[in-house]
């Protein structure tokens, strides 16, 4: 366990049984879905994956490698996307909560405790909502990697469908280049109307 601080909450709730972590990727972009992941990782010493951390602190190459290791090692996991239409309809916070709840409900078994990055969701399973949880919990960090890599791959595919917008570079975030392309070409099907109203 090279990052001992990543196991504070796992150690705190270990006696309860199976612990799940939930995180999201894509709350801020102007285009594409928000992706939520829920995962239950084994916590035995010999099954801990070295290098797991908050996905934002890892290189894309490292995240890709860890994604495959997490998928191969997890006891159960579920990745859910909530599309831009739903985000526009119910707002990004509610869309994120919906995705997190659906990811939790999509697990193969019901965990005994849920650790969530900063958000509280509607579930009768005991939960702790941890600010910057992806840097403080092994399960949340694992979920953050699943969500981030899944969403990045998705945006790479969207880039082939909508090449004018360069989604492979900025993944839908509001970079200077993205905003300039948005003003030049107008919106495409995966833009979030409530996010781009100031630009088009």
N, C-alpha and C. Protein backbone atom coordinates (compact mmCIF):
# COMPACT_ATOMS: atom_id res chain seq x y z
N UNK A 1 0.85 -1.19 0.00
CA UNK A 1 0.00 0.00 0.00
C UNK A 1 0.89 1.24 0.00
N UNK A 2 1.26 1.68 -1.17
CA UNK A 2 2.21 2.77 -1.24
C UNK A 2 1.62 4.11 -0.86
N UNK A 3 0.30 4.25 -0.98
CA UNK A 3 -0.35 5.50 -0.59
C UNK A 3 -1.21 5.23 0.63
N UNK A 4 -0.62 5.27 1.80
CA UNK A 4 -1.36 4.90 3.01
C UNK A 4 -2.55 5.81 3.26
N UNK A 5 -2.45 7.09 2.89
CA UNK A 5 -3.57 8.00 3.10
C UNK A 5 -4.78 7.63 2.25
N UNK A 6 -4.58 6.84 1.20
CA UNK A 6 -5.70 6.41 0.36
C UNK A 6 -6.57 5.35 1.04
N UNK A 7 -6.14 4.84 2.18
CA UNK A 7 -6.88 3.75 2.83
C UNK A 7 -7.49 4.15 4.17
N UNK A 8 -7.47 5.44 4.47
CA UNK A 8 -8.03 5.90 5.75
C UNK A 8 -9.50 5.51 5.88
N UNK A 9 -10.28 5.77 4.85
CA UNK A 9 -11.73 5.48 4.92
C UNK A 9 -12.01 3.99 4.75
N UNK A 10 -11.23 3.33 3.92
CA UNK A 10 -11.39 1.88 3.78
C UNK A 10 -11.11 1.19 5.13
N UNK A 11 -10.08 1.65 5.83
CA UNK A 11 -9.76 1.07 7.14
C UNK A 11 -10.85 1.40 8.16
N UNK A 12 -11.39 2.59 8.06
CA UNK A 12 -12.44 3.06 8.98
C UNK A 12 -13.68 2.18 8.90
N UNK A 13 -14.03 1.75 7.69
CA UNK A 13 -15.29 1.01 7.49
C UNK A 13 -15.07 -0.47 7.17
N UNK A 14 -13.85 -0.93 7.27
CA UNK A 14 -13.52 -2.30 6.87
C UNK A 14 -14.37 -3.35 7.57
N UNK A 15 -14.72 -3.09 8.84
CA UNK A 15 -15.49 -4.08 9.61
C UNK A 15 -16.92 -4.24 9.12
N UNK A 16 -17.40 -3.28 8.32
CA UNK A 16 -18.78 -3.34 7.83
C UNK A 16 -18.97 -4.35 6.70
N UNK A 17 -17.90 -4.63 5.98
CA UNK A 17 -17.99 -5.55 4.84
C UNK A 17 -17.53 -4.88 3.56
N UNK A 18 -18.25 -5.11 2.49
CA UNK A 18 -17.83 -4.62 1.16
C UNK A 18 -18.02 -3.10 1.04
N UNK A 19 -16.95 -2.42 0.57
CA UNK A 19 -16.96 -0.97 0.44
C UNK A 19 -16.89 -0.60 -1.04
N UNK A 20 -17.82 0.26 -1.47
CA UNK A 20 -17.81 0.74 -2.86
C UNK A 20 -17.33 2.18 -2.90
N UNK A 21 -16.73 2.56 -4.00
CA UNK A 21 -16.37 3.95 -4.25
C UNK A 21 -17.06 4.45 -5.50
N UNK A 22 -17.48 5.71 -5.47
CA UNK A 22 -18.17 6.29 -6.63
C UNK A 22 -17.51 7.63 -6.98
N UNK A 23 -17.32 7.86 -8.27
CA UNK A 23 -16.84 9.16 -8.75
C UNK A 23 -17.38 9.40 -10.15
N UNK A 24 -17.16 10.61 -10.63
CA UNK A 24 -17.64 10.98 -11.97
C UNK A 24 -16.55 11.65 -12.77
N UNK A 25 -16.77 11.76 -14.07
CA UNK A 25 -15.91 12.54 -14.96
C UNK A 25 -16.82 13.28 -15.93
N UNK A 26 -16.52 14.55 -16.13
CA UNK A 26 -17.27 15.29 -17.14
C UNK A 26 -18.40 16.16 -16.63
N UNK A 27 -18.29 16.67 -15.42
CA UNK A 27 -19.32 17.61 -14.97
C UNK A 27 -19.18 18.97 -15.65
N UNK A 28 -17.94 19.35 -15.96
CA UNK A 28 -17.69 20.69 -16.45
C UNK A 28 -17.73 20.93 -17.95
N UNK A 29 -17.57 19.91 -18.80
CA UNK A 29 -17.47 20.15 -20.25
C UNK A 29 -18.72 20.78 -20.87
N UNK A 30 -18.51 21.36 -22.05
CA UNK A 30 -19.60 21.95 -22.81
C UNK A 30 -20.32 20.91 -23.67
N UNK A 31 -19.72 19.73 -23.81
CA UNK A 31 -20.28 18.70 -24.69
C UNK A 31 -20.05 17.32 -24.10
N UNK A 32 -20.91 16.40 -24.51
CA UNK A 32 -20.76 15.00 -24.10
C UNK A 32 -21.44 14.72 -22.77
N UNK A 33 -21.46 13.45 -22.40
CA UNK A 33 -22.15 13.03 -21.18
C UNK A 33 -21.31 13.26 -19.93
N UNK A 34 -21.96 13.16 -18.79
CA UNK A 34 -21.23 12.97 -17.54
C UNK A 34 -21.19 11.46 -17.32
N UNK A 35 -20.03 10.95 -16.93
CA UNK A 35 -19.84 9.51 -16.74
C UNK A 35 -19.59 9.23 -15.27
N UNK A 36 -20.32 8.29 -14.72
CA UNK A 36 -20.19 7.93 -13.31
C UNK A 36 -19.77 6.47 -13.20
N UNK A 37 -18.87 6.20 -12.27
CA UNK A 37 -18.40 4.84 -12.06
C UNK A 37 -18.51 4.47 -10.59
N UNK A 38 -18.87 3.22 -10.35
CA UNK A 38 -18.92 2.68 -8.99
C UNK A 38 -18.14 1.37 -9.01
N UNK A 39 -17.29 1.17 -7.99
CA UNK A 39 -16.43 -0.01 -7.99
C UNK A 39 -16.21 -0.50 -6.56
N UNK A 40 -16.11 -1.81 -6.42
CA UNK A 40 -15.70 -2.43 -5.15
C UNK A 40 -14.39 -3.13 -5.42
N UNK A 41 -13.32 -2.61 -4.82
CA UNK A 41 -11.99 -3.18 -5.01
C UNK A 41 -11.63 -4.09 -3.85
N UNK A 42 -10.92 -5.20 -4.14
CA UNK A 42 -10.41 -6.03 -3.04
C UNK A 42 -9.35 -5.26 -2.26
N UNK A 43 -9.34 -5.42 -0.95
CA UNK A 43 -8.43 -4.65 -0.10
C UNK A 43 -7.34 -5.49 0.54
N UNK A 44 -7.26 -6.77 0.14
CA UNK A 44 -6.16 -7.59 0.65
C UNK A 44 -4.83 -7.04 0.12
N UNK A 45 -3.83 -7.12 0.96
CA UNK A 45 -2.51 -6.53 0.65
C UNK A 45 -1.99 -6.96 -0.72
N UNK A 46 -2.13 -8.24 -1.05
CA UNK A 46 -1.54 -8.73 -2.29
C UNK A 46 -2.38 -8.40 -3.52
N UNK A 47 -3.55 -7.78 -3.32
CA UNK A 47 -4.41 -7.42 -4.46
C UNK A 47 -4.49 -5.92 -4.70
N UNK A 48 -3.80 -5.15 -3.85
CA UNK A 48 -3.77 -3.70 -4.05
C UNK A 48 -2.98 -3.36 -5.33
N UNK A 49 -3.54 -2.49 -6.15
CA UNK A 49 -2.88 -2.09 -7.40
C UNK A 49 -1.99 -0.87 -7.14
N UNK A 50 -0.69 -1.00 -7.32
CA UNK A 50 0.21 0.14 -7.10
C UNK A 50 -0.07 1.26 -8.09
N UNK A 51 0.03 2.49 -7.61
CA UNK A 51 -0.08 3.64 -8.51
C UNK A 51 -1.45 4.25 -8.62
N UNK A 52 -2.46 3.62 -8.04
CA UNK A 52 -3.80 4.20 -8.10
C UNK A 52 -3.83 5.50 -7.32
N UNK A 53 -4.42 6.52 -7.93
CA UNK A 53 -4.50 7.84 -7.31
C UNK A 53 -5.63 8.60 -8.01
N UNK A 54 -5.89 9.79 -7.54
CA UNK A 54 -6.83 10.69 -8.20
C UNK A 54 -6.47 10.74 -9.69
N UNK A 55 -7.45 10.47 -10.56
CA UNK A 55 -7.17 10.36 -12.00
C UNK A 55 -6.56 11.62 -12.58
N UNK A 56 -6.86 12.77 -11.98
CA UNK A 56 -6.34 14.05 -12.49
C UNK A 56 -4.83 14.17 -12.26
N UNK A 57 -4.30 13.36 -11.35
CA UNK A 57 -2.87 13.42 -11.04
C UNK A 57 -2.05 12.42 -11.86
N UNK A 58 -2.72 11.69 -12.74
CA UNK A 58 -2.06 10.66 -13.53
C UNK A 58 -2.02 11.04 -15.00
N UNK A 59 -1.00 10.56 -15.71
CA UNK A 59 -0.94 10.78 -17.16
C UNK A 59 -1.99 9.91 -17.84
N UNK A 60 -2.37 10.29 -19.06
CA UNK A 60 -3.34 9.51 -19.81
C UNK A 60 -2.87 8.07 -20.00
N UNK A 61 -1.59 7.90 -20.28
CA UNK A 61 -1.03 6.56 -20.48
C UNK A 61 -1.14 5.72 -19.21
N UNK A 62 -0.84 6.34 -18.07
CA UNK A 62 -0.92 5.64 -16.78
C UNK A 62 -2.37 5.28 -16.46
N UNK A 63 -3.29 6.22 -16.74
CA UNK A 63 -4.71 5.95 -16.48
C UNK A 63 -5.21 4.77 -17.31
N UNK A 64 -4.80 4.71 -18.57
CA UNK A 64 -5.21 3.62 -19.45
C UNK A 64 -4.75 2.26 -18.89
N UNK A 65 -3.51 2.21 -18.45
CA UNK A 65 -2.97 0.97 -17.89
C UNK A 65 -3.72 0.58 -16.61
N UNK A 66 -3.96 1.57 -15.74
CA UNK A 66 -4.65 1.29 -14.48
C UNK A 66 -6.11 0.90 -14.71
N UNK A 67 -6.74 1.50 -15.73
CA UNK A 67 -8.12 1.15 -16.07
C UNK A 67 -8.23 -0.36 -16.30
N UNK A 68 -7.34 -0.89 -17.12
CA UNK A 68 -7.39 -2.32 -17.44
C UNK A 68 -7.12 -3.17 -16.20
N UNK A 69 -6.22 -2.70 -15.33
CA UNK A 69 -5.93 -3.45 -14.10
C UNK A 69 -7.13 -3.42 -13.14
N UNK A 70 -7.78 -2.27 -13.05
CA UNK A 70 -8.95 -2.15 -12.17
C UNK A 70 -10.08 -3.06 -12.65
N UNK A 71 -10.34 -3.03 -13.96
CA UNK A 71 -11.40 -3.88 -14.54
C UNK A 71 -11.11 -5.35 -14.27
N UNK A 72 -9.83 -5.74 -14.36
CA UNK A 72 -9.46 -7.14 -14.16
C UNK A 72 -9.48 -7.55 -12.69
N UNK A 73 -9.33 -6.60 -11.78
CA UNK A 73 -9.17 -6.90 -10.37
C UNK A 73 -10.43 -6.68 -9.55
N UNK A 74 -11.28 -5.75 -9.96
CA UNK A 74 -12.46 -5.35 -9.17
C UNK A 74 -13.36 -6.54 -8.86
N UNK A 75 -13.95 -6.51 -7.68
CA UNK A 75 -14.95 -7.52 -7.32
C UNK A 75 -16.22 -7.30 -8.14
N UNK A 76 -16.56 -6.05 -8.33
CA UNK A 76 -17.68 -5.67 -9.20
C UNK A 76 -17.53 -4.19 -9.52
N UNK A 77 -17.99 -3.79 -10.70
CA UNK A 77 -17.97 -2.36 -11.06
C UNK A 77 -19.08 -2.09 -12.07
N UNK A 78 -19.45 -0.83 -12.17
CA UNK A 78 -20.45 -0.42 -13.16
C UNK A 78 -20.13 1.01 -13.59
N UNK A 79 -20.18 1.25 -14.90
CA UNK A 79 -19.94 2.58 -15.46
C UNK A 79 -21.20 3.03 -16.20
N UNK A 80 -21.66 4.23 -15.88
CA UNK A 80 -22.92 4.74 -16.43
C UNK A 80 -22.67 6.11 -17.04
N UNK A 81 -23.29 6.37 -18.19
CA UNK A 81 -23.22 7.72 -18.76
C UNK A 81 -24.61 8.35 -18.77
N UNK A 82 -24.65 9.64 -18.48
CA UNK A 82 -25.91 10.41 -18.53
C UNK A 82 -25.72 11.45 -19.62
N UNK A 83 -26.57 11.41 -20.64
CA UNK A 83 -26.33 12.20 -21.84
C UNK A 83 -26.64 13.69 -21.67
N UNK A 84 -26.23 14.45 -22.68
CA UNK A 84 -26.35 15.91 -22.62
C UNK A 84 -27.81 16.37 -22.56
N UNK A 85 -28.72 15.61 -23.15
CA UNK A 85 -30.14 15.99 -23.11
C UNK A 85 -30.65 15.94 -21.67
N UNK A 86 -30.28 14.88 -20.96
CA UNK A 86 -30.70 14.76 -19.56
C UNK A 86 -30.05 15.84 -18.71
N UNK A 87 -28.78 16.14 -18.98
CA UNK A 87 -28.09 17.21 -18.26
C UNK A 87 -28.82 18.53 -18.45
N UNK A 88 -29.24 18.82 -19.69
CA UNK A 88 -29.99 20.05 -19.95
C UNK A 88 -31.36 20.04 -19.26
N UNK A 89 -31.98 18.87 -19.18
CA UNK A 89 -33.33 18.76 -18.60
C UNK A 89 -33.34 18.90 -17.09
N UNK A 90 -32.38 18.27 -16.41
CA UNK A 90 -32.48 18.21 -14.94
C UNK A 90 -31.32 18.90 -14.22
N UNK A 91 -30.37 19.44 -14.93
CA UNK A 91 -29.15 20.14 -14.50
C UNK A 91 -28.04 19.15 -14.17
N UNK A 92 -26.81 19.64 -14.19
CA UNK A 92 -25.65 18.76 -14.12
C UNK A 92 -25.52 18.07 -12.76
N UNK A 93 -25.89 18.75 -11.68
CA UNK A 93 -25.79 18.11 -10.36
C UNK A 93 -26.75 16.94 -10.26
N UNK A 94 -28.00 17.15 -10.68
CA UNK A 94 -28.99 16.07 -10.61
C UNK A 94 -28.64 14.93 -11.57
N UNK A 95 -28.08 15.29 -12.73
CA UNK A 95 -27.65 14.26 -13.69
C UNK A 95 -26.51 13.43 -13.11
N UNK A 96 -25.60 14.09 -12.39
CA UNK A 96 -24.49 13.39 -11.75
C UNK A 96 -25.01 12.44 -10.67
N UNK A 97 -25.93 12.93 -9.85
CA UNK A 97 -26.51 12.09 -8.80
C UNK A 97 -27.25 10.89 -9.39
N UNK A 98 -27.97 11.12 -10.49
CA UNK A 98 -28.68 10.04 -11.17
C UNK A 98 -27.69 8.99 -11.68
N UNK A 99 -26.62 9.45 -12.32
CA UNK A 99 -25.60 8.53 -12.84
C UNK A 99 -24.94 7.74 -11.72
N UNK A 100 -24.62 8.40 -10.62
CA UNK A 100 -23.98 7.73 -9.49
C UNK A 100 -24.90 6.66 -8.89
N UNK A 101 -26.17 7.02 -8.74
CA UNK A 101 -27.13 6.06 -8.18
C UNK A 101 -27.30 4.85 -9.12
N UNK A 102 -27.38 5.11 -10.42
CA UNK A 102 -27.53 4.02 -11.38
C UNK A 102 -26.29 3.13 -11.42
N UNK A 103 -25.11 3.74 -11.26
CA UNK A 103 -23.87 2.96 -11.23
C UNK A 103 -23.84 2.07 -9.99
N UNK A 104 -24.25 2.62 -8.85
CA UNK A 104 -24.32 1.83 -7.61
C UNK A 104 -25.30 0.67 -7.77
N UNK A 105 -26.47 0.96 -8.33
CA UNK A 105 -27.50 -0.07 -8.51
C UNK A 105 -27.12 -1.10 -9.57
N UNK A 106 -26.12 -0.77 -10.39
CA UNK A 106 -25.69 -1.68 -11.45
C UNK A 106 -24.64 -2.69 -11.01
N UNK A 107 -24.18 -2.60 -9.75
CA UNK A 107 -23.21 -3.57 -9.26
C UNK A 107 -23.81 -4.96 -9.18
N UNK A 108 -22.95 -5.98 -9.22
CA UNK A 108 -23.42 -7.37 -9.16
C UNK A 108 -23.93 -7.74 -7.77
N UNK A 109 -23.46 -7.02 -6.76
CA UNK A 109 -23.97 -7.24 -5.40
C UNK A 109 -24.06 -5.91 -4.67
N UNK A 110 -24.81 -5.89 -3.59
CA UNK A 110 -25.04 -4.67 -2.82
C UNK A 110 -23.91 -4.49 -1.80
N UNK A 111 -23.17 -3.39 -1.87
CA UNK A 111 -22.11 -3.16 -0.89
C UNK A 111 -22.69 -2.76 0.47
N UNK A 112 -21.85 -2.82 1.50
CA UNK A 112 -22.28 -2.46 2.85
C UNK A 112 -22.03 -0.99 3.18
N UNK A 113 -21.16 -0.37 2.38
CA UNK A 113 -20.81 1.04 2.62
C UNK A 113 -20.43 1.66 1.29
N UNK A 114 -20.78 2.93 1.10
CA UNK A 114 -20.46 3.63 -0.13
C UNK A 114 -19.70 4.91 0.20
N UNK A 115 -18.54 5.07 -0.43
CA UNK A 115 -17.74 6.28 -0.32
C UNK A 115 -17.90 7.06 -1.62
N UNK A 116 -18.28 8.33 -1.52
CA UNK A 116 -18.60 9.11 -2.72
C UNK A 116 -17.80 10.41 -2.72
N UNK A 117 -17.31 10.77 -3.90
CA UNK A 117 -16.56 12.02 -4.03
C UNK A 117 -17.50 13.21 -3.96
N UNK A 118 -17.65 13.79 -2.78
CA UNK A 118 -18.28 15.11 -2.56
C UNK A 118 -19.80 15.17 -2.75
N UNK A 119 -20.42 14.16 -3.27
CA UNK A 119 -21.85 14.22 -3.58
C UNK A 119 -22.62 13.24 -2.70
N UNK A 120 -23.83 13.65 -2.28
CA UNK A 120 -24.71 12.76 -1.52
C UNK A 120 -25.79 12.25 -2.47
N UNK A 121 -26.03 10.94 -2.47
CA UNK A 121 -27.05 10.38 -3.36
C UNK A 121 -28.16 9.71 -2.57
N UNK A 122 -29.25 9.47 -3.25
CA UNK A 122 -30.43 8.86 -2.64
C UNK A 122 -30.28 7.33 -2.63
N UNK A 123 -29.85 6.79 -1.49
CA UNK A 123 -29.73 5.35 -1.32
C UNK A 123 -29.86 5.02 0.15
N UNK A 124 -30.36 3.83 0.44
CA UNK A 124 -30.46 3.42 1.85
C UNK A 124 -29.18 2.73 2.33
N UNK A 125 -28.20 2.59 1.46
CA UNK A 125 -26.90 2.05 1.86
C UNK A 125 -26.14 3.16 2.59
N UNK A 126 -25.52 2.88 3.72
CA UNK A 126 -24.75 3.91 4.41
C UNK A 126 -23.70 4.51 3.47
N UNK A 127 -23.54 5.84 3.55
CA UNK A 127 -22.60 6.51 2.66
C UNK A 127 -21.81 7.57 3.41
N UNK A 128 -20.60 7.83 2.93
CA UNK A 128 -19.85 8.98 3.40
C UNK A 128 -19.43 9.77 2.18
N UNK A 129 -19.67 11.08 2.25
CA UNK A 129 -19.38 11.98 1.13
C UNK A 129 -18.11 12.74 1.48
N UNK A 130 -17.08 12.51 0.68
CA UNK A 130 -15.74 12.99 1.02
C UNK A 130 -15.29 14.04 0.01
N UNK A 131 -15.03 15.25 0.48
CA UNK A 131 -14.51 16.30 -0.40
C UNK A 131 -13.12 15.89 -0.87
N UNK A 132 -12.90 15.99 -2.19
CA UNK A 132 -11.64 15.52 -2.81
C UNK A 132 -11.41 14.04 -2.48
N UNK A 133 -12.48 13.30 -2.46
CA UNK A 133 -12.42 11.88 -2.11
C UNK A 133 -11.55 11.06 -3.04
N UNK A 134 -11.41 11.52 -4.31
CA UNK A 134 -10.59 10.77 -5.26
C UNK A 134 -9.11 10.82 -4.90
N UNK A 135 -8.73 11.71 -3.98
CA UNK A 135 -7.35 11.75 -3.50
C UNK A 135 -7.21 11.17 -2.10
N UNK A 136 -8.34 10.68 -1.54
CA UNK A 136 -8.34 10.22 -0.15
C UNK A 136 -8.82 8.78 0.03
N UNK A 137 -9.42 8.20 -0.99
CA UNK A 137 -9.97 6.85 -0.88
C UNK A 137 -9.54 6.01 -2.08
N UNK A 138 -9.06 4.82 -1.81
CA UNK A 138 -8.62 3.89 -2.86
C UNK A 138 -9.77 3.52 -3.79
N UNK A 139 -10.94 3.26 -3.22
CA UNK A 139 -12.10 2.89 -4.05
C UNK A 139 -12.59 4.07 -4.89
N UNK A 140 -12.62 5.26 -4.31
CA UNK A 140 -13.05 6.43 -5.08
C UNK A 140 -12.02 6.74 -6.17
N UNK A 141 -10.73 6.65 -5.84
CA UNK A 141 -9.69 6.88 -6.85
C UNK A 141 -9.83 5.89 -8.00
N UNK A 142 -10.12 4.64 -7.67
CA UNK A 142 -10.32 3.62 -8.72
C UNK A 142 -11.52 3.98 -9.59
N UNK A 143 -12.60 4.43 -8.95
CA UNK A 143 -13.79 4.84 -9.70
C UNK A 143 -13.49 6.05 -10.57
N UNK A 144 -12.66 6.96 -10.08
CA UNK A 144 -12.33 8.16 -10.85
C UNK A 144 -11.57 7.79 -12.13
N UNK A 145 -10.72 6.79 -12.04
CA UNK A 145 -9.96 6.33 -13.21
C UNK A 145 -10.90 5.65 -14.21
N UNK A 146 -11.80 4.82 -13.72
CA UNK A 146 -12.77 4.17 -14.61
C UNK A 146 -13.60 5.20 -15.35
N UNK A 147 -14.11 6.19 -14.62
CA UNK A 147 -14.98 7.20 -15.24
C UNK A 147 -14.21 8.06 -16.24
N UNK A 148 -13.01 8.48 -15.86
CA UNK A 148 -12.22 9.36 -16.72
C UNK A 148 -11.80 8.66 -18.02
N UNK A 149 -11.28 7.46 -17.92
CA UNK A 149 -10.81 6.75 -19.11
C UNK A 149 -11.99 6.40 -20.02
N UNK A 150 -13.08 5.93 -19.43
CA UNK A 150 -14.27 5.60 -20.22
C UNK A 150 -14.75 6.83 -20.98
N UNK A 151 -14.81 7.97 -20.30
CA UNK A 151 -15.30 9.19 -20.96
C UNK A 151 -14.33 9.69 -22.03
N UNK A 152 -13.04 9.63 -21.74
CA UNK A 152 -12.05 10.05 -22.74
C UNK A 152 -12.15 9.21 -24.00
N UNK A 153 -12.32 7.90 -23.83
CA UNK A 153 -12.47 7.01 -24.99
C UNK A 153 -13.72 7.35 -25.78
N UNK A 154 -14.78 7.67 -25.05
CA UNK A 154 -16.04 8.04 -25.68
C UNK A 154 -15.88 9.31 -26.51
N UNK A 155 -15.19 10.31 -25.95
CA UNK A 155 -14.99 11.57 -26.67
C UNK A 155 -14.08 11.40 -27.88
N UNK A 156 -13.16 10.45 -27.80
CA UNK A 156 -12.33 10.13 -28.98
C UNK A 156 -13.20 9.59 -30.11
N UNK A 157 -14.18 8.77 -29.76
CA UNK A 157 -15.11 8.24 -30.77
C UNK A 157 -15.98 9.36 -31.34
N UNK A 158 -16.45 10.25 -30.46
CA UNK A 158 -17.26 11.38 -30.93
C UNK A 158 -16.45 12.28 -31.87
N UNK A 159 -15.14 12.33 -31.66
CA UNK A 159 -14.30 13.15 -32.51
C UNK A 159 -14.32 12.67 -33.96
N UNK A 160 -14.48 11.35 -34.14
CA UNK A 160 -14.57 10.80 -35.50
C UNK A 160 -15.91 11.18 -36.15
N UNK A 161 -16.94 11.24 -35.34
CA UNK A 161 -18.28 11.57 -35.85
C UNK A 161 -18.43 13.07 -36.10
N UNK A 162 -17.79 13.87 -35.24
CA UNK A 162 -17.87 15.34 -35.36
C UNK A 162 -16.45 15.92 -35.43
N UNK A 163 -15.74 15.68 -36.54
CA UNK A 163 -14.32 16.05 -36.62
C UNK A 163 -14.05 17.55 -36.51
N UNK A 164 -15.03 18.38 -36.84
CA UNK A 164 -14.80 19.83 -36.82
C UNK A 164 -14.48 20.36 -35.42
N UNK A 165 -14.89 19.63 -34.39
CA UNK A 165 -14.80 20.18 -33.03
C UNK A 165 -13.57 19.72 -32.23
N UNK A 166 -12.79 18.80 -32.77
CA UNK A 166 -11.55 18.34 -32.13
C UNK A 166 -11.77 17.79 -30.72
N UNK A 167 -12.83 17.01 -30.54
CA UNK A 167 -13.13 16.44 -29.22
C UNK A 167 -12.01 15.53 -28.71
N UNK A 168 -11.20 15.01 -29.62
CA UNK A 168 -10.09 14.15 -29.20
C UNK A 168 -9.04 14.94 -28.42
N UNK A 169 -8.98 16.25 -28.64
CA UNK A 169 -7.98 17.07 -27.94
C UNK A 169 -8.49 17.56 -26.59
N UNK A 170 -9.67 18.16 -26.57
CA UNK A 170 -10.13 18.82 -25.34
C UNK A 170 -11.22 18.05 -24.59
N UNK A 171 -11.69 16.95 -25.18
CA UNK A 171 -12.69 16.07 -24.54
C UNK A 171 -14.00 16.80 -24.20
N UNK A 172 -14.26 17.90 -24.90
CA UNK A 172 -15.51 18.62 -24.68
C UNK A 172 -15.41 19.78 -23.72
N UNK A 173 -14.27 19.91 -23.05
CA UNK A 173 -14.11 21.01 -22.10
C UNK A 173 -14.03 22.35 -22.84
N UNK A 174 -14.30 23.44 -22.13
CA UNK A 174 -14.41 24.76 -22.74
C UNK A 174 -13.07 25.44 -22.96
N UNK A 175 -12.20 24.81 -23.71
CA UNK A 175 -10.92 25.43 -24.04
C UNK A 175 -11.13 26.56 -25.03
N UNK A 176 -10.11 27.39 -25.17
CA UNK A 176 -10.19 28.50 -26.14
C UNK A 176 -10.47 27.96 -27.55
N UNK A 177 -9.77 26.88 -27.92
CA UNK A 177 -9.96 26.29 -29.25
C UNK A 177 -11.40 25.79 -29.43
N UNK A 178 -11.91 25.10 -28.41
CA UNK A 178 -13.27 24.56 -28.50
C UNK A 178 -14.30 25.68 -28.66
N UNK A 179 -14.15 26.72 -27.88
CA UNK A 179 -15.10 27.84 -27.96
C UNK A 179 -15.03 28.52 -29.33
N UNK A 180 -13.83 28.65 -29.87
CA UNK A 180 -13.68 29.25 -31.21
C UNK A 180 -14.35 28.38 -32.28
N UNK A 181 -14.20 27.06 -32.16
CA UNK A 181 -14.84 26.15 -33.12
C UNK A 181 -16.36 26.15 -32.97
N UNK A 182 -16.79 26.28 -31.73
CA UNK A 182 -18.23 26.35 -31.45
C UNK A 182 -18.84 27.59 -32.09
N UNK A 183 -18.13 28.70 -31.98
CA UNK A 183 -18.62 29.94 -32.60
C UNK A 183 -18.58 29.86 -34.12
N UNK A 184 -17.61 29.14 -34.64
CA UNK A 184 -17.46 29.02 -36.10
C UNK A 184 -18.51 28.10 -36.71
N UNK A 185 -18.73 26.92 -36.07
CA UNK A 185 -19.60 25.90 -36.66
C UNK A 185 -20.98 25.80 -36.00
N UNK A 186 -21.17 26.48 -34.87
CA UNK A 186 -22.41 26.29 -34.14
C UNK A 186 -22.36 24.99 -33.36
N UNK A 187 -23.46 24.63 -32.74
CA UNK A 187 -23.48 23.43 -31.89
C UNK A 187 -23.65 22.16 -32.71
N UNK A 188 -23.23 21.05 -32.11
CA UNK A 188 -23.53 19.74 -32.70
C UNK A 188 -24.43 18.99 -31.72
N UNK A 189 -24.78 17.76 -32.07
CA UNK A 189 -25.79 17.02 -31.30
C UNK A 189 -25.39 16.75 -29.85
N UNK A 190 -24.09 16.72 -29.55
CA UNK A 190 -23.70 16.36 -28.18
C UNK A 190 -23.35 17.57 -27.32
N UNK A 191 -23.53 18.79 -27.84
CA UNK A 191 -23.30 19.96 -27.01
C UNK A 191 -24.44 20.12 -25.99
N UNK A 192 -24.10 20.63 -24.83
CA UNK A 192 -25.08 20.88 -23.78
C UNK A 192 -25.61 22.30 -23.94
N UNK A 193 -26.89 22.42 -24.29
CA UNK A 193 -27.46 23.74 -24.56
C UNK A 193 -27.31 24.68 -23.37
N UNK A 194 -27.48 24.16 -22.17
CA UNK A 194 -27.42 25.02 -20.98
C UNK A 194 -26.00 25.46 -20.67
N UNK A 195 -25.00 24.79 -21.26
CA UNK A 195 -23.60 25.15 -21.01
C UNK A 195 -23.05 26.09 -22.08
N UNK A 196 -23.64 26.07 -23.29
CA UNK A 196 -23.04 26.82 -24.40
C UNK A 196 -23.82 28.08 -24.75
N UNK A 197 -24.86 28.41 -23.98
CA UNK A 197 -25.72 29.54 -24.36
C UNK A 197 -24.97 30.88 -24.40
N UNK A 198 -23.85 30.96 -23.69
CA UNK A 198 -23.07 32.21 -23.72
C UNK A 198 -22.15 32.32 -24.92
N UNK A 199 -21.99 31.20 -25.66
CA UNK A 199 -21.01 31.16 -26.74
C UNK A 199 -21.63 31.12 -28.14
N UNK A 200 -22.91 30.74 -28.26
CA UNK A 200 -23.51 30.62 -29.58
C UNK A 200 -24.78 31.46 -29.66
